[in-house]
Each structure stands twice: as structure tokens, then as C-alpha cells.
């Protein structure tokens, strides 16, 4: 379970981005157990469209790194420009991406295949990090 410092999950909206429907279904099931509402995208173009339409109403993004139409790291960069406090979790079946190539992007990473607990821990860390950023910026 995600720690109690997180936002009110009954009002929380998550975006799950992965080209594999089975992975989207798995991640969706995990976050919905935490009472998040979810929107799914199968590629970067659809994800960008959803972000454009929902904006800062999105409380969490979980994205695969390798997705059709772009990649999760580029998506994270784009989101950070417009919505710097949205928690972001990247996932991949490959090694963790080098943070040195994008030092301004804060995100958590989970290696596929992962347990629900591993994903929830990463989500909790990402949300805590963004909450601290909001407090530091005085936007909370």
C-alpha cells in the first residue's frame, strides 16, 4: 500500500503507457487497487494527447521506456516542462536508463518483471519526491 502522505486516491488520476496490453492491464490493476482512476495509452502519441487534454489533473504517470511513436524518457522530459510536479515512474525490460543524460528529470524506475509491491514502492517514492518539490516551491 502507498504511504498515507500521498494524495487522496479517490480523486487521483493515473496514466499508464505501454504498448503491451497485458502490461497495461497488470499496472492498471495494481494502481486501481490503490483507488486511482486510470487512463491507458498504447503509444507516445496517444499519451501526449491525453496529457494535453488532462494536464495537471493527472496525478501519476507510469510509462514503459520503449513505446511506439517515441520513448518514455522523451515523454518524461515533455511532461516535466509543462507539469514539473507530476510523479513519473519509468519501467523497462532492459537496464535502468542513465540519469546523467537527463539530470533535470526526476523519476523512479522499475525493472520488468516486477511485483505489485515493487511498483507501489516506486510510485510512493515518486509521489513523495514530487510532494517535497511542491512544498519547496510553495505550490501546495
C-alpha atoms as a PDB file:
ATOM      1  CA  UNK A   1       0.000   0.000   0.000  1.00  0.00           C
ATOM      2  CA  UNK A   2       1.207   3.515  -0.765  1.00  0.00           C
ATOM      3  CA  UNK A   3       2.005   5.534   2.350  1.00  0.00           C
ATOM      4  CA  UNK A   4      -0.579   7.825   3.902  1.00  0.00           C
ATOM      5  CA  UNK A   5       1.215  11.032   2.804  1.00  0.00           C
ATOM      6  CA  UNK A   6       0.026  10.550  -0.760  1.00  0.00           C
ATOM      7  CA  UNK A   7      -2.836  12.433  -2.332  1.00  0.00           C
ATOM      8  CA  UNK A   8      -6.442  11.423  -1.850  1.00  0.00           C
ATOM      9  CA  UNK A   9      -6.557   8.395  -4.162  1.00  0.00           C
ATOM     10  CA  UNK A  10     -10.302   8.650  -4.633  1.00  0.00           C
ATOM     11  CA  UNK A  11      -9.582  11.755  -6.687  1.00  0.00           C
ATOM     12  CA  UNK A  12      -6.264  10.619  -8.189  1.00  0.00           C
ATOM     13  CA  UNK A  13      -5.854  10.006 -11.898  1.00  0.00           C
ATOM     14  CA  UNK A  14      -3.047   7.896 -13.332  1.00  0.00           C
ATOM     15  CA  UNK A  15      -1.843   7.484 -16.907  1.00  0.00           C
ATOM     16  CA  UNK A  16      -0.418   4.066 -17.802  1.00  0.00           C
ATOM     17  CA  UNK A  17       1.661   3.941 -21.007  1.00  0.00           C
ATOM     18  CA  UNK A  18       2.849   0.668 -22.545  1.00  0.00           C
ATOM     19  CA  UNK A  19       2.452  -0.917 -25.961  1.00  0.00           C
ATOM     20  CA  UNK A  20       1.710  -4.314 -24.425  1.00  0.00           C
ATOM     21  CA  UNK A  21      -1.898  -4.585 -23.291  1.00  0.00           C
ATOM     22  CA  UNK A  22      -1.006  -7.273 -20.739  1.00  0.00           C
ATOM     23  CA  UNK A  23       1.456  -4.910 -19.039  1.00  0.00           C
ATOM     24  CA  UNK A  24      -1.061  -2.045 -19.087  1.00  0.00           C
ATOM     25  CA  UNK A  25      -3.675  -4.372 -17.573  1.00  0.00           C
ATOM     26  CA  UNK A  26      -1.229  -5.523 -14.862  1.00  0.00           C
ATOM     27  CA  UNK A  27      -0.156  -1.997 -13.893  1.00  0.00           C
ATOM     28  CA  UNK A  28      -3.737  -0.730 -14.053  1.00  0.00           C
ATOM     29  CA  UNK A  29      -4.889  -3.483 -11.708  1.00  0.00           C
ATOM     30  CA  UNK A  30      -2.157  -2.554  -9.207  1.00  0.00           C
ATOM     31  CA  UNK A  31      -2.879   1.182  -9.165  1.00  0.00           C
ATOM     32  CA  UNK A  32      -6.648   0.714  -9.193  1.00  0.00           C
ATOM     33  CA  UNK A  33      -6.317  -1.367  -6.013  1.00  0.00           C
ATOM     34  CA  UNK A  34      -4.936   1.857  -4.527  1.00  0.00           C
ATOM     35  CA  UNK A  35      -8.139   3.605  -5.675  1.00  0.00           C
ATOM     36  CA  UNK A  36      -6.582   5.506  -8.579  1.00  0.00           C
ATOM     37  CA  UNK A  37      -8.675   6.123 -11.645  1.00  0.00           C
ATOM     38  CA  UNK A  38      -6.692   5.163 -14.740  1.00  0.00           C
ATOM     39  CA  UNK A  39      -6.332   6.115 -18.370  1.00  0.00           C
ATOM     40  CA  UNK A  40      -4.270   3.916 -20.660  1.00  0.00           C
ATOM     41  CA  UNK A  41      -2.193   4.734 -23.722  1.00  0.00           C
ATOM     42  CA  UNK A  42      -0.524   2.267 -26.064  1.00  0.00           C
ATOM     43  CA  UNK A  43       1.972   4.693 -27.592  1.00  0.00           C
ATOM     44  CA  UNK A  44       3.688   8.040 -27.055  1.00  0.00           C
ATOM     45  CA  UNK A  45       1.378   9.926 -29.407  1.00  0.00           C
ATOM     46  CA  UNK A  46      -1.752   8.825 -27.519  1.00  0.00           C
ATOM     47  CA  UNK A  47      -0.035   9.549 -24.191  1.00  0.00           C
ATOM     48  CA  UNK A  48       0.882  13.074 -25.331  1.00  0.00           C
ATOM     49  CA  UNK A  49      -2.709  13.654 -26.445  1.00  0.00           C
ATOM     50  CA  UNK A  50      -4.048  12.508 -23.062  1.00  0.00           C
ATOM     51  CA  UNK A  51      -1.554  14.722 -21.216  1.00  0.00           C
ATOM     52  CA  UNK A  52      -2.517  17.677 -23.397  1.00  0.00           C
ATOM     53  CA  UNK A  53      -6.215  17.146 -22.620  1.00  0.00           C
ATOM     54  CA  UNK A  54      -5.968  16.308 -18.910  1.00  0.00           C
ATOM     55  CA  UNK A  55      -2.908  18.386 -17.985  1.00  0.00           C
ATOM     56  CA  UNK A  56      -2.302  18.793 -14.295  1.00  0.00           C
ATOM     57  CA  UNK A  57      -5.359  16.666 -13.486  1.00  0.00           C
ATOM     58  CA  UNK A  58      -3.012  13.700 -13.957  1.00  0.00           C
ATOM     59  CA  UNK A  59      -1.551  12.724 -10.587  1.00  0.00           C
ATOM     60  CA  UNK A  60       0.766   9.914 -11.705  1.00  0.00           C
ATOM     61  CA  UNK A  61       2.341   8.620 -14.905  1.00  0.00           C
ATOM     62  CA  UNK A  62       3.747   5.097 -15.259  1.00  0.00           C
ATOM     63  CA  UNK A  63       5.373   4.534 -18.642  1.00  0.00           C
ATOM     64  CA  UNK A  64       7.447   1.954 -20.415  1.00  0.00           C
ATOM     65  CA  UNK A  65      10.693   3.380 -21.773  1.00  0.00           C
ATOM     66  CA  UNK A  66      10.361   1.784 -25.188  1.00  0.00           C
ATOM     67  CA  UNK A  67       6.997   2.739 -26.684  1.00  0.00           C
ATOM     68  CA  UNK A  68       5.874   3.229 -30.274  1.00  0.00           C
ATOM     69  CA  UNK A  69       5.951   6.811 -31.506  1.00  0.00           C
ATOM     70  CA  UNK A  70       8.644   7.907 -29.076  1.00  0.00           C
ATOM     71  CA  UNK A  71      10.083   6.764 -25.796  1.00  0.00           C
ATOM     72  CA  UNK A  72       9.313   7.091 -22.128  1.00  0.00           C
ATOM     73  CA  UNK A  73      12.325   9.288 -21.406  1.00  0.00           C
ATOM     74  CA  UNK A  74      11.264  11.845 -24.037  1.00  0.00           C
ATOM     75  CA  UNK A  75       7.731  11.704 -22.653  1.00  0.00           C
ATOM     76  CA  UNK A  76       9.101  12.363 -19.159  1.00  0.00           C
ATOM     77  CA  UNK A  77      11.087  15.360 -20.462  1.00  0.00           C
ATOM     78  CA  UNK A  78       7.975  16.767 -22.126  1.00  0.00           C
ATOM     79  CA  UNK A  79       5.846  16.295 -19.023  1.00  0.00           C
ATOM     80  CA  UNK A  80       8.471  17.935 -16.792  1.00  0.00           C
ATOM     81  CA  UNK A  81       8.446  21.075 -18.947  1.00  0.00           C
ATOM     82  CA  UNK A  82       4.717  21.681 -18.505  1.00  0.00           C
ATOM     83  CA  UNK A  83       3.901  19.765 -15.328  1.00  0.00           C
ATOM     84  CA  UNK A  84       7.053  19.647 -13.174  1.00  0.00           C
ATOM     85  CA  UNK A  85       5.435  18.040 -10.140  1.00  0.00           C
ATOM     86  CA  UNK A  86       3.664  15.059 -11.721  1.00  0.00           C
ATOM     87  CA  UNK A  87       5.176  11.852 -10.279  1.00  0.00           C
ATOM     88  CA  UNK A  88       6.719   9.699 -13.017  1.00  0.00           C
ATOM     89  CA  UNK A  89       7.691   6.022 -12.931  1.00  0.00           C
ATOM     90  CA  UNK A  90       9.559   4.518 -15.870  1.00  0.00           C
ATOM     91  CA  UNK A  91       9.632   0.779 -16.456  1.00  0.00           C
ATOM     92  CA  UNK A  92      11.640  -1.399 -18.805  1.00  0.00           C
ATOM     93  CA  UNK A  93      12.696  -4.933 -19.505  1.00  0.00           C
ATOM     94  CA  UNK A  94      16.175  -3.529 -20.075  1.00  0.00           C
ATOM     95  CA  UNK A  95      18.675  -1.807 -17.794  1.00  0.00           C
ATOM     96  CA  UNK A  96      17.800   1.403 -15.998  1.00  0.00           C
ATOM     97  CA  UNK A  97      18.372   4.429 -18.216  1.00  0.00           C
ATOM     98  CA  UNK A  98      21.319   6.655 -17.444  1.00  0.00           C
ATOM     99  CA  UNK A  99      20.114   9.569 -15.367  1.00  0.00           C
ATOM    100  CA  UNK A 100      23.170  11.586 -16.359  1.00  0.00           C
ATOM    101  CA  UNK A 101      21.755  12.173 -19.857  1.00  0.00           C
ATOM    102  CA  UNK A 102      18.654  13.830 -18.363  1.00  0.00           C
ATOM    103  CA  UNK A 103      19.698  15.170 -14.943  1.00  0.00           C
ATOM    104  CA  UNK A 104      16.713  17.521 -14.657  1.00  0.00           C
ATOM    105  CA  UNK A 105      14.187  14.708 -14.869  1.00  0.00           C
ATOM    106  CA  UNK A 106      13.228  13.082 -11.615  1.00  0.00           C
ATOM    107  CA  UNK A 107      11.648   9.668 -11.917  1.00  0.00           C
ATOM    108  CA  UNK A 108      11.591   6.269 -10.308  1.00  0.00           C
ATOM    109  CA  UNK A 109      12.475   3.150 -12.265  1.00  0.00           C
ATOM    110  CA  UNK A 110      11.216  -0.438 -12.083  1.00  0.00           C
ATOM    111  CA  UNK A 111      12.726  -3.344 -13.956  1.00  0.00           C
ATOM    112  CA  UNK A 112      10.211  -5.630 -15.691  1.00  0.00           C
ATOM    113  CA  UNK A 113       9.029  -8.054 -14.459  1.00  0.00           C
ATOM    114  CA  UNK A 114       8.125  -6.548 -11.116  1.00  0.00           C
ATOM    115  CA  UNK A 115       5.878  -7.377  -8.209  1.00  0.00           C
ATOM    116  CA  UNK A 116       2.982  -5.153  -7.169  1.00  0.00           C
ATOM    117  CA  UNK A 117       4.977  -4.201  -4.061  1.00  0.00           C
ATOM    118  CA  UNK A 118       7.965  -3.099  -6.154  1.00  0.00           C
ATOM    119  CA  UNK A 119       5.772  -0.887  -8.330  1.00  0.00           C
ATOM    120  CA  UNK A 120       3.941   0.577  -5.345  1.00  0.00           C
ATOM    121  CA  UNK A 121       7.245   1.345  -3.626  1.00  0.00           C
ATOM    122  CA  UNK A 122       8.453   3.180  -6.741  1.00  0.00           C
ATOM    123  CA  UNK A 123       5.157   5.067  -7.005  1.00  0.00           C
ATOM    124  CA  UNK A 124       5.377   6.018  -3.334  1.00  0.00           C
ATOM    125  CA  UNK A 125       8.931   7.322  -3.764  1.00  0.00           C
ATOM    126  CA  UNK A 126       7.999   9.299  -6.891  1.00  0.00           C
ATOM    127  CA  UNK A 127       4.984  10.820  -5.168  1.00  0.00           C
ATOM    128  CA  UNK A 128       6.981  11.692  -2.061  1.00  0.00           C
ATOM    129  CA  UNK A 129       9.677  13.335  -4.204  1.00  0.00           C
ATOM    130  CA  UNK A 130       7.099  15.423  -6.052  1.00  0.00           C
ATOM    131  CA  UNK A 131       5.330  16.364  -2.823  1.00  0.00           C
ATOM    132  CA  UNK A 132       8.632  17.664  -1.459  1.00  0.00           C
ATOM    133  CA  UNK A 133       9.178  19.643  -4.672  1.00  0.00           C
ATOM    134  CA  UNK A 134       5.719  21.198  -4.346  1.00  0.00           C
ATOM    135  CA  UNK A 135       6.411  22.178  -0.749  1.00  0.00           C
ATOM    136  CA  UNK A 136       9.805  23.641  -1.645  1.00  0.00           C
ATOM    137  CA  UNK A 137       8.215  25.669  -4.437  1.00  0.00           C
ATOM    138  CA  UNK A 138       5.357  26.737  -2.181  1.00  0.00           C
ATOM    139  CA  UNK A 139       2.726  25.368  -4.574  1.00  0.00           C
ATOM    140  CA  UNK A 140       0.955  23.053  -2.197  1.00  0.00           C
END
